[in-house]
Amino acid sequence: YSSVSGGTGNLASGETSSVSGGETNEAKGTSASISGGGSGLASGDRSSIAGGGSLQALGKGSVALGGERNIAGGDYAVVVGSLSKTASVDFSTVIGGNTIEDSA
């Protein structure tokens, strides 16, 4: 039930994962999704990537939006924009140059 639409060199290897557009993206996690961007890896379950380059959404339910070389490594972690940012703590959020951690 995985799907790939458009783009070049994309791979949806996780169960019910999807990649639409972009280049050399891989959705490995269950229900992981990638829209656009390049060289993205969504390996966490229900993780998602939209746009940007070389983004990684590794945690469960993690999200990486835009930017370059950002990593959402914690569960439900979110990274938005900017360069080389890492949200490694669970439920943490990194937006641009600022880091916000939610420990709830």
N, C-alpha and C. Protein backbone atom coordinates (compact mmCIF):
# COMPACT_ATOMS: atom_id res chain seq x y z
N TYR A 1 0.81 -1.22 0.00
CA TYR A 1 0.00 0.00 0.00
C TYR A 1 0.85 1.28 0.00
N SER A 2 2.14 1.11 -0.22
CA SER A 2 3.00 2.28 -0.30
C SER A 2 2.88 2.89 -1.69
N SER A 3 3.14 4.21 -1.79
CA SER A 3 2.97 4.85 -3.08
C SER A 3 4.04 5.90 -3.35
N VAL A 4 4.42 6.01 -4.60
CA VAL A 4 5.34 7.04 -5.05
C VAL A 4 4.70 7.72 -6.25
N SER A 5 4.62 9.05 -6.22
CA SER A 5 4.06 9.76 -7.36
C SER A 5 4.97 10.92 -7.72
N GLY A 6 5.38 10.96 -8.96
CA GLY A 6 6.22 12.05 -9.43
C GLY A 6 7.62 11.99 -8.87
N GLY A 7 8.43 12.95 -9.27
CA GLY A 7 9.80 13.01 -8.77
C GLY A 7 10.72 12.00 -9.42
N THR A 8 11.91 11.89 -8.87
CA THR A 8 12.94 11.02 -9.43
C THR A 8 13.67 10.27 -8.33
N GLY A 9 13.82 8.96 -8.49
CA GLY A 9 14.61 8.18 -7.56
C GLY A 9 14.05 8.08 -6.16
N ASN A 10 12.74 8.19 -6.02
CA ASN A 10 12.13 8.11 -4.70
C ASN A 10 11.77 6.67 -4.36
N LEU A 11 11.72 6.37 -3.06
CA LEU A 11 11.41 5.02 -2.61
C LEU A 11 10.49 5.07 -1.40
N ALA A 12 9.36 4.40 -1.49
CA ALA A 12 8.45 4.27 -0.35
C ALA A 12 8.50 2.81 0.08
N SER A 13 9.28 2.51 1.11
CA SER A 13 9.50 1.12 1.51
C SER A 13 8.73 0.74 2.77
N GLY A 14 8.21 1.73 3.48
CA GLY A 14 7.45 1.42 4.69
C GLY A 14 6.00 1.12 4.38
N GLU A 15 5.36 0.38 5.27
CA GLU A 15 3.95 0.03 5.07
C GLU A 15 3.10 1.30 5.05
N THR A 16 2.27 1.44 4.06
CA THR A 16 1.40 2.60 3.83
C THR A 16 2.17 3.92 3.83
N SER A 17 3.44 3.88 3.44
CA SER A 17 4.22 5.11 3.33
C SER A 17 4.03 5.72 1.95
N SER A 18 4.34 7.01 1.81
CA SER A 18 4.14 7.65 0.52
C SER A 18 5.17 8.75 0.27
N VAL A 19 5.55 8.88 -0.99
CA VAL A 19 6.43 9.97 -1.41
C VAL A 19 5.79 10.60 -2.63
N SER A 20 5.62 11.92 -2.59
CA SER A 20 5.08 12.61 -3.76
C SER A 20 6.05 13.71 -4.17
N GLY A 21 6.58 13.60 -5.36
CA GLY A 21 7.51 14.60 -5.88
C GLY A 21 8.88 14.52 -5.23
N GLY A 22 9.73 15.46 -5.60
CA GLY A 22 11.08 15.51 -5.04
C GLY A 22 12.02 14.49 -5.66
N GLU A 23 13.23 14.43 -5.12
CA GLU A 23 14.26 13.54 -5.66
C GLU A 23 14.95 12.76 -4.56
N THR A 24 15.17 11.49 -4.82
CA THR A 24 15.90 10.57 -3.95
C THR A 24 15.43 10.63 -2.49
N ASN A 25 14.13 10.70 -2.30
CA ASN A 25 13.55 10.64 -0.96
C ASN A 25 13.20 9.21 -0.62
N GLU A 26 13.25 8.86 0.67
CA GLU A 26 12.85 7.52 1.08
C GLU A 26 11.96 7.58 2.31
N ALA A 27 10.76 7.02 2.19
CA ALA A 27 9.83 6.92 3.31
C ALA A 27 9.87 5.48 3.80
N LYS A 28 10.54 5.25 4.93
CA LYS A 28 10.75 3.90 5.44
C LYS A 28 9.81 3.53 6.57
N GLY A 29 9.37 4.52 7.32
CA GLY A 29 8.52 4.23 8.47
C GLY A 29 7.10 3.90 8.07
N THR A 30 6.39 3.22 8.95
CA THR A 30 4.98 2.92 8.71
C THR A 30 4.19 4.22 8.63
N SER A 31 3.45 4.39 7.56
CA SER A 31 2.64 5.59 7.32
C SER A 31 3.49 6.87 7.27
N ALA A 32 4.76 6.74 6.93
CA ALA A 32 5.62 7.92 6.76
C ALA A 32 5.30 8.58 5.44
N SER A 33 5.47 9.91 5.37
CA SER A 33 5.17 10.60 4.13
C SER A 33 6.18 11.70 3.84
N ILE A 34 6.49 11.88 2.56
CA ILE A 34 7.39 12.93 2.12
C ILE A 34 6.74 13.64 0.93
N SER A 35 6.73 14.96 0.99
CA SER A 35 6.22 15.76 -0.13
C SER A 35 7.32 16.68 -0.62
N GLY A 36 7.77 16.46 -1.83
CA GLY A 36 8.79 17.33 -2.41
C GLY A 36 10.13 17.20 -1.72
N GLY A 37 10.98 18.18 -1.98
CA GLY A 37 12.30 18.17 -1.36
C GLY A 37 13.25 17.19 -2.02
N GLY A 38 14.45 17.12 -1.47
CA GLY A 38 15.47 16.24 -2.03
C GLY A 38 16.24 15.51 -0.95
N SER A 39 16.53 14.24 -1.20
CA SER A 39 17.34 13.41 -0.31
C SER A 39 16.80 13.36 1.11
N GLY A 40 15.48 13.32 1.24
CA GLY A 40 14.87 13.23 2.56
C GLY A 40 14.71 11.79 3.00
N LEU A 41 14.74 11.57 4.32
CA LEU A 41 14.53 10.24 4.89
C LEU A 41 13.51 10.34 6.01
N ALA A 42 12.38 9.69 5.83
CA ALA A 42 11.36 9.63 6.87
C ALA A 42 11.31 8.18 7.36
N SER A 43 12.03 7.90 8.43
CA SER A 43 12.12 6.52 8.90
C SER A 43 11.29 6.26 10.14
N GLY A 44 10.79 7.31 10.77
CA GLY A 44 9.94 7.12 11.94
C GLY A 44 8.51 6.82 11.55
N ASP A 45 7.82 6.03 12.37
CA ASP A 45 6.41 5.74 12.09
C ASP A 45 5.61 7.04 12.13
N ARG A 46 4.78 7.25 11.12
CA ARG A 46 3.95 8.45 10.98
C ARG A 46 4.78 9.73 10.95
N SER A 47 6.03 9.62 10.55
CA SER A 47 6.87 10.80 10.40
C SER A 47 6.61 11.44 9.05
N SER A 48 6.93 12.73 8.92
CA SER A 48 6.67 13.39 7.65
C SER A 48 7.69 14.48 7.35
N ILE A 49 7.94 14.66 6.06
CA ILE A 49 8.85 15.69 5.56
C ILE A 49 8.14 16.44 4.46
N ALA A 50 8.25 17.77 4.47
CA ALA A 50 7.70 18.58 3.40
C ALA A 50 8.77 19.55 2.93
N GLY A 51 9.17 19.44 1.67
CA GLY A 51 10.13 20.36 1.09
C GLY A 51 11.51 20.27 1.72
N GLY A 52 12.35 21.24 1.38
CA GLY A 52 13.69 21.28 1.93
C GLY A 52 14.64 20.28 1.30
N GLY A 53 15.85 20.23 1.84
CA GLY A 53 16.87 19.33 1.30
C GLY A 53 17.57 18.56 2.40
N SER A 54 17.82 17.28 2.14
CA SER A 54 18.55 16.42 3.07
C SER A 54 17.96 16.44 4.48
N LEU A 55 16.65 16.39 4.55
CA LEU A 55 15.97 16.39 5.85
C LEU A 55 15.77 14.97 6.34
N GLN A 56 15.77 14.80 7.68
CA GLN A 56 15.52 13.48 8.25
C GLN A 56 14.46 13.59 9.34
N ALA A 57 13.43 12.78 9.23
CA ALA A 57 12.41 12.67 10.27
C ALA A 57 12.54 11.25 10.82
N LEU A 58 13.25 11.12 11.92
CA LEU A 58 13.62 9.80 12.43
C LEU A 58 12.73 9.32 13.57
N GLY A 59 12.17 10.26 14.33
CA GLY A 59 11.35 9.89 15.47
C GLY A 59 9.92 9.56 15.07
N LYS A 60 9.25 8.85 15.95
CA LYS A 60 7.84 8.52 15.73
C LYS A 60 7.03 9.81 15.72
N GLY A 61 6.25 10.03 14.66
CA GLY A 61 5.42 11.23 14.57
C GLY A 61 6.22 12.51 14.40
N SER A 62 7.48 12.41 14.02
CA SER A 62 8.31 13.61 13.87
C SER A 62 8.05 14.29 12.53
N VAL A 63 8.36 15.59 12.48
CA VAL A 63 8.08 16.40 11.30
C VAL A 63 9.28 17.28 10.97
N ALA A 64 9.68 17.30 9.71
CA ALA A 64 10.72 18.21 9.24
C ALA A 64 10.15 19.00 8.07
N LEU A 65 10.10 20.33 8.24
CA LEU A 65 9.51 21.19 7.21
C LEU A 65 10.55 22.18 6.69
N GLY A 66 10.83 22.10 5.40
CA GLY A 66 11.72 23.06 4.78
C GLY A 66 13.12 23.07 5.37
N GLY A 67 13.91 24.03 4.94
CA GLY A 67 15.27 24.13 5.43
C GLY A 67 16.20 23.10 4.80
N GLU A 68 17.41 23.01 5.33
CA GLU A 68 18.43 22.11 4.80
C GLU A 68 19.13 21.37 5.94
N ARG A 69 19.33 20.09 5.73
CA ARG A 69 20.11 19.26 6.65
C ARG A 69 19.57 19.27 8.09
N ASN A 70 18.28 19.39 8.22
CA ASN A 70 17.65 19.37 9.55
C ASN A 70 17.28 17.94 9.92
N ILE A 71 17.30 17.66 11.23
CA ILE A 71 16.97 16.32 11.71
C ILE A 71 15.95 16.40 12.84
N ALA A 72 14.82 15.75 12.65
CA ALA A 72 13.83 15.61 13.73
C ALA A 72 14.01 14.20 14.27
N GLY A 73 14.82 14.09 15.31
CA GLY A 73 15.21 12.78 15.81
C GLY A 73 14.37 12.27 16.96
N GLY A 74 13.79 13.18 17.73
CA GLY A 74 12.98 12.77 18.86
C GLY A 74 11.56 12.40 18.43
N ASP A 75 10.89 11.61 19.25
CA ASP A 75 9.49 11.28 18.95
C ASP A 75 8.65 12.56 19.00
N TYR A 76 7.84 12.78 17.99
CA TYR A 76 6.97 13.95 17.88
C TYR A 76 7.76 15.27 17.90
N ALA A 77 9.02 15.21 17.50
CA ALA A 77 9.84 16.40 17.39
C ALA A 77 9.53 17.11 16.08
N VAL A 78 9.70 18.44 16.08
CA VAL A 78 9.40 19.24 14.89
C VAL A 78 10.57 20.17 14.58
N VAL A 79 10.98 20.18 13.31
CA VAL A 79 12.01 21.13 12.85
C VAL A 79 11.42 21.91 11.69
N VAL A 80 11.52 23.24 11.76
CA VAL A 80 10.98 24.09 10.70
C VAL A 80 12.06 25.03 10.20
N GLY A 81 12.38 24.93 8.91
CA GLY A 81 13.27 25.87 8.28
C GLY A 81 14.69 25.91 8.83
N SER A 82 15.45 26.87 8.34
CA SER A 82 16.84 27.12 8.73
C SER A 82 17.76 25.97 8.30
N LEU A 83 18.99 25.98 8.81
CA LEU A 83 20.02 25.03 8.37
C LEU A 83 20.59 24.23 9.53
N SER A 84 20.79 22.95 9.25
CA SER A 84 21.50 22.07 10.18
C SER A 84 20.99 22.15 11.63
N LYS A 85 19.67 22.10 11.77
CA LYS A 85 19.07 22.11 13.10
C LYS A 85 18.66 20.69 13.47
N THR A 86 18.79 20.36 14.76
CA THR A 86 18.42 19.03 15.23
C THR A 86 17.47 19.14 16.42
N ALA A 87 16.34 18.46 16.31
CA ALA A 87 15.40 18.35 17.43
C ALA A 87 15.48 16.90 17.90
N SER A 88 16.35 16.66 18.89
CA SER A 88 16.61 15.29 19.31
C SER A 88 15.81 14.88 20.55
N VAL A 89 15.24 15.87 21.23
CA VAL A 89 14.47 15.58 22.43
C VAL A 89 13.01 15.31 22.05
N ASP A 90 12.40 14.33 22.70
CA ASP A 90 11.00 14.03 22.42
C ASP A 90 10.14 15.27 22.66
N PHE A 91 9.20 15.51 21.76
CA PHE A 91 8.26 16.64 21.84
C PHE A 91 8.95 18.01 21.74
N SER A 92 10.19 18.03 21.26
CA SER A 92 10.89 19.31 21.12
C SER A 92 10.56 19.96 19.78
N THR A 93 10.73 21.28 19.73
CA THR A 93 10.46 22.03 18.51
C THR A 93 11.62 22.97 18.23
N VAL A 94 12.12 22.94 17.01
CA VAL A 94 13.16 23.87 16.59
C VAL A 94 12.63 24.65 15.40
N ILE A 95 12.53 25.98 15.56
CA ILE A 95 12.02 26.83 14.49
C ILE A 95 13.10 27.84 14.12
N GLY A 96 13.60 27.74 12.91
CA GLY A 96 14.64 28.66 12.48
C GLY A 96 15.84 28.61 13.41
N GLY A 97 16.27 29.76 13.93
CA GLY A 97 17.43 29.81 14.78
C GLY A 97 17.12 29.60 16.25
N ASN A 98 15.85 29.40 16.59
CA ASN A 98 15.47 29.28 17.98
C ASN A 98 15.07 27.85 18.35
N THR A 99 15.39 27.46 19.57
CA THR A 99 15.04 26.13 20.05
C THR A 99 14.02 26.23 21.18
N ILE A 100 12.94 25.50 21.04
CA ILE A 100 11.91 25.46 22.08
C ILE A 100 11.70 23.99 22.43
N GLU A 101 11.83 23.66 23.71
CA GLU A 101 11.65 22.28 24.11
C GLU A 101 10.42 22.16 25.00
N ASP A 102 9.56 21.24 24.63
CA ASP A 102 8.35 21.01 25.39
C ASP A 102 8.51 19.67 26.10
N SER A 103 8.60 19.72 27.43
CA SER A 103 8.85 18.48 28.18
C SER A 103 7.56 17.84 28.66
N ALA A 104 6.42 18.42 28.29
CA ALA A 104 5.14 17.88 28.75
C ALA A 104 4.89 16.49 28.15
